[in-house]
Protein backbone atom coordinates (compact mmCIF):
# COMPACT_ATOMS: atom_id res chain seq x y z
CA MET A 1 106.73 101.84 83.56
CA MET A 2 103.76 100.20 85.12
CA ARG A 3 104.13 97.61 88.00
CA ILE A 4 101.71 94.68 88.37
CA GLY A 5 102.00 92.68 91.03
CA ILE A 6 100.78 88.87 91.97
CA LEU A 7 100.52 87.69 95.32
CA ALA A 8 103.22 85.00 95.49
CA LEU A 9 102.36 82.96 98.21
CA GLN A 10 100.14 80.28 97.12
CA GLY A 11 98.27 79.23 94.04
CA ASP A 12 98.25 80.24 90.33
CA VAL A 13 101.00 82.44 90.48
CA SER A 14 103.02 81.72 87.02
CA GLU A 15 98.95 80.88 85.25
CA HIS A 16 98.42 85.28 85.73
CA LEU A 17 102.01 86.24 84.77
CA ILE A 18 101.46 84.84 81.36
CA ALA A 19 97.91 86.23 80.86
CA MET A 20 98.65 89.81 82.26
CA ARG A 21 101.69 89.73 79.96
CA ASN A 22 99.30 88.89 77.37
CA ALA A 23 96.99 91.12 78.00
CA MET A 24 99.40 94.26 78.46
CA ARG A 25 100.78 93.25 75.09
CA GLY A 26 97.08 93.57 73.65
CA MET A 27 96.44 96.90 74.68
CA LYS A 28 100.17 98.33 74.04
CA ILE A 29 101.30 98.85 77.44
CA ASP A 30 104.86 98.88 79.10
CA GLY A 31 105.32 97.90 82.34
CA GLU A 32 106.85 94.79 84.18
CA VAL A 33 104.36 91.51 86.07
CA LEU A 34 106.38 90.51 89.09
CA GLU A 35 105.85 87.84 91.89
CA ALA A 36 104.87 89.80 95.41
CA LYS A 37 105.91 87.89 98.23
CA ARG A 38 107.17 90.44 101.13
CA ARG A 39 105.57 93.60 102.77
CA ASP A 40 108.09 95.29 100.54
CA GLU A 41 107.49 94.48 97.38
CA LEU A 42 103.88 95.45 97.88
CA ARG A 43 104.61 99.00 97.66
CA ASP A 44 105.01 101.35 94.37
CA LEU A 45 102.90 98.47 92.89
CA ASP A 46 100.78 99.83 89.82
CA PHE A 47 98.43 96.94 90.60
CA LEU A 48 97.88 93.82 92.33
CA VAL A 49 96.37 90.35 91.36
CA ILE A 50 95.35 87.93 94.19
CA PRO A 51 95.14 84.65 92.31
CA GLY A 52 93.03 81.27 93.23
CA GLY A 53 94.74 78.58 95.54
CA GLU A 54 93.95 76.91 98.66
CA SER A 55 91.98 80.49 100.37
CA THR A 56 93.10 79.11 104.25
CA ALA A 57 96.89 78.57 103.24
CA ILE A 58 97.04 82.11 101.44
CA GLY A 59 95.57 84.36 104.21
CA ARG A 60 97.51 82.59 107.27
CA LEU A 61 100.26 83.46 105.17
CA ILE A 62 98.75 87.37 104.46
CA THR A 63 98.88 87.32 108.23
CA GLU A 64 101.64 85.76 109.07
CA TYR A 65 104.20 87.55 107.01
CA GLY A 66 101.67 91.14 108.01
CA ILE A 67 100.69 91.52 104.23
CA ASP A 68 97.83 92.28 105.40
CA SER A 69 97.98 95.55 106.31
CA GLU A 70 100.49 96.71 103.01
CA LEU A 71 97.05 95.16 101.24
CA LYS A 72 95.14 97.76 103.00
CA LYS A 73 97.13 101.14 102.13
CA LEU A 74 96.84 99.30 98.37
CA VAL A 75 93.45 99.79 98.69
CA ARG A 76 92.89 103.22 100.21
CA LYS A 77 95.65 104.71 97.68
CA GLY A 78 93.17 103.73 95.17
CA ILE A 79 95.65 101.04 93.45
CA PRO A 80 93.36 98.51 91.21
CA VAL A 81 93.11 94.77 93.69
CA MET A 82 91.81 92.03 91.66
CA GLY A 83 90.82 88.65 93.59
CA THR A 84 89.99 85.28 91.80
CA CYS A 85 88.26 82.23 93.03
CA ALA A 86 90.72 82.32 96.34
CA GLY A 87 91.27 85.52 96.07
CA LEU A 88 87.41 86.12 95.87
CA VAL A 89 86.89 84.79 99.39
CA LEU A 90 89.67 86.25 101.04
CA LEU A 91 88.40 90.54 99.88
CA SER A 92 85.13 90.13 101.14
CA LYS A 93 83.63 90.86 104.72
CA GLY A 94 82.05 87.44 105.61
CA GLY A 95 81.53 84.27 104.50
CA ASP A 96 79.36 80.88 104.81
CA GLU A 97 79.43 78.47 108.07
CA GLU A 98 82.62 76.63 105.93
CA VAL A 99 84.58 79.99 105.78
CA ARG A 100 83.45 80.75 109.79
CA ARG A 101 84.40 76.70 110.49
CA SER A 102 87.69 76.57 109.06
CA GLY A 103 89.06 80.22 110.54
CA GLN A 104 89.73 81.55 107.47
CA PRO A 105 91.37 85.05 107.56
CA LEU A 106 89.70 87.57 105.64
CA LEU A 107 90.67 91.30 105.03
CA GLY A 108 87.09 93.04 104.59
CA LEU A 109 88.21 95.35 101.29
CA MET A 110 84.91 94.73 99.56
CA ASP A 111 81.25 94.37 101.12
CA ILE A 112 80.54 90.71 100.07
CA ARG A 113 79.55 87.35 102.03
CA VAL A 114 80.43 84.22 100.15
CA LYS A 115 79.84 80.52 99.69
CA ARG A 116 83.11 78.48 99.45
CA ASN A 117 83.22 75.76 96.72
CA ALA A 118 79.93 77.06 95.78
CA PHE A 119 79.74 75.31 92.59
CA GLY A 120 81.00 71.51 93.74
CA ARG A 121 84.42 69.90 94.70
CA GLN A 122 87.35 69.44 92.23
CA ARG A 123 85.45 66.50 90.67
CA GLU A 124 82.64 69.12 89.76
CA SER A 125 84.55 71.63 87.93
CA PHE A 126 83.11 72.72 84.91
CA GLU A 127 83.24 75.17 82.17
CA ILE A 128 80.33 77.60 80.96
CA ASP A 129 80.27 80.72 78.32
CA VAL A 130 79.19 83.23 80.21
CA GLY A 131 77.46 86.74 79.63
CA ILE A 132 79.63 90.14 80.84
CA THR A 133 78.16 93.13 79.18
CA ALA A 134 81.24 95.01 81.02
CA LEU A 135 83.93 92.51 78.79
CA GLY A 136 81.57 92.91 75.20
CA ARG A 137 78.59 91.51 73.38
CA GLU A 138 80.92 88.07 72.61
CA PRO A 139 80.15 85.73 75.36
CA TYR A 140 83.48 84.74 78.13
CA HIS A 141 84.36 81.41 78.53
CA ALA A 142 84.82 80.65 82.11
CA VAL A 143 86.45 78.23 83.89
CA PHE A 144 85.22 76.95 87.63
CA ILE A 145 87.34 74.19 89.86
CA ARG A 146 86.27 74.31 92.96
CA ASP A 147 84.76 77.91 92.59
CA PRO A 148 82.88 80.39 95.52
CA ALA A 149 80.13 82.58 94.65
CA ILE A 150 79.05 85.45 96.35
CA GLU A 151 75.85 85.24 97.97
CA GLU A 152 75.39 88.76 99.11
CA ALA A 153 77.02 91.76 97.75
CA GLY A 154 76.37 95.21 99.43
CA ASP A 155 74.63 98.81 97.65
CA GLY A 156 78.30 99.81 96.67
CA VAL A 157 79.12 96.70 95.17
CA ASP A 158 78.74 95.71 90.58
CA VAL A 159 77.33 92.67 89.85
CA LEU A 160 79.50 91.91 86.76
CA ALA A 161 78.16 88.99 86.04
CA ARG A 162 76.01 85.78 87.55
CA VAL A 163 75.45 81.48 86.80
CA GLU A 164 72.89 79.38 88.16
CA ASN A 165 71.62 83.09 89.63
CA ARG A 166 75.23 83.11 91.72
CA ILE A 167 77.47 86.56 91.92
CA VAL A 168 80.47 85.44 89.76
CA MET A 169 81.92 88.70 89.22
CA ALA A 170 81.94 91.92 90.62
CA ARG A 171 83.43 95.34 91.30
CA GLN A 172 83.80 97.95 94.32
CA HIS A 173 85.37 100.87 93.33
CA ARG A 174 88.79 99.79 92.05
CA ILE A 175 88.58 96.15 93.52
CA LEU A 176 87.35 93.66 90.52
CA ALA A 177 86.38 89.72 92.32
CA VAL A 178 86.08 86.92 90.18
CA ALA A 179 84.97 83.67 91.01
CA PHE A 180 86.46 82.24 88.14
CA HIS A 181 89.88 81.02 86.81
CA PRO A 182 89.89 84.29 84.15
CA GLU A 183 94.07 82.62 84.34
CA LEU A 184 93.73 79.43 82.78
CA THR A 185 91.84 80.45 79.35
CA MET A 186 93.41 82.23 76.22
CA ASP A 187 91.31 85.00 76.65
CA SER A 188 92.38 88.18 78.16
CA ARG A 189 89.28 90.24 78.87
CA VAL A 190 89.29 89.83 82.57
CA HIS A 191 92.73 91.28 83.29
CA GLU A 192 92.35 93.69 80.11
CA TYR A 193 89.07 94.99 81.97
CA PHE A 194 91.31 95.75 85.39
CA LEU A 195 94.09 97.04 83.80
CA GLY A 196 91.54 99.61 82.06
CA MET A 197 90.33 100.10 86.14
CA LYS A 198 93.39 102.51 86.50
CA ASN A 199 92.29 105.63 84.89
CA GLU A 200 88.56 105.67 85.48
CA ASP A 201 87.01 107.24 87.98
CA SER A 202 86.35 105.07 91.05
CA GLY A 203 83.27 102.89 91.19
């Protein structure tokens, strides 16, 4: 049975649990979605989601609990990993001045450099229809709340979506980075795309 973990240190954990279960129902996938808080709970997963939240807090807890090394093992094994909002920041190799100044721990798993709070603060949150070819013809209604953006992407990174000429969704092998909050909509296509990465060739 498929096991999908939501890293449950802080952030939109319950929302991802619900969204992932909806996606699995839509795809007729049998499995369980569970909260993962400890190193041992990351082992034997088939997928892992790093949710949105406060990236500095999540990063420090990942380091403090020794979860960073377990996460890197999952990636080396080819287990699909998705980071949304704060999760995108954590996956990156580098960031802007705000990231550096905050002492933000980064996992360095994806060849991207990010700008934290690229779309403004909480009061400047917005929703917008985004064309994402990988998800089909119908635009995806994306929710942005204090979201980052990818400023630079390496040669091995596939850019999947942009907003205001900023990269908001990208993929490198079986790692998926999403700047917005797919867990806050009823549209499960981002989660379904992520689940489909397990059976694809890496790339």
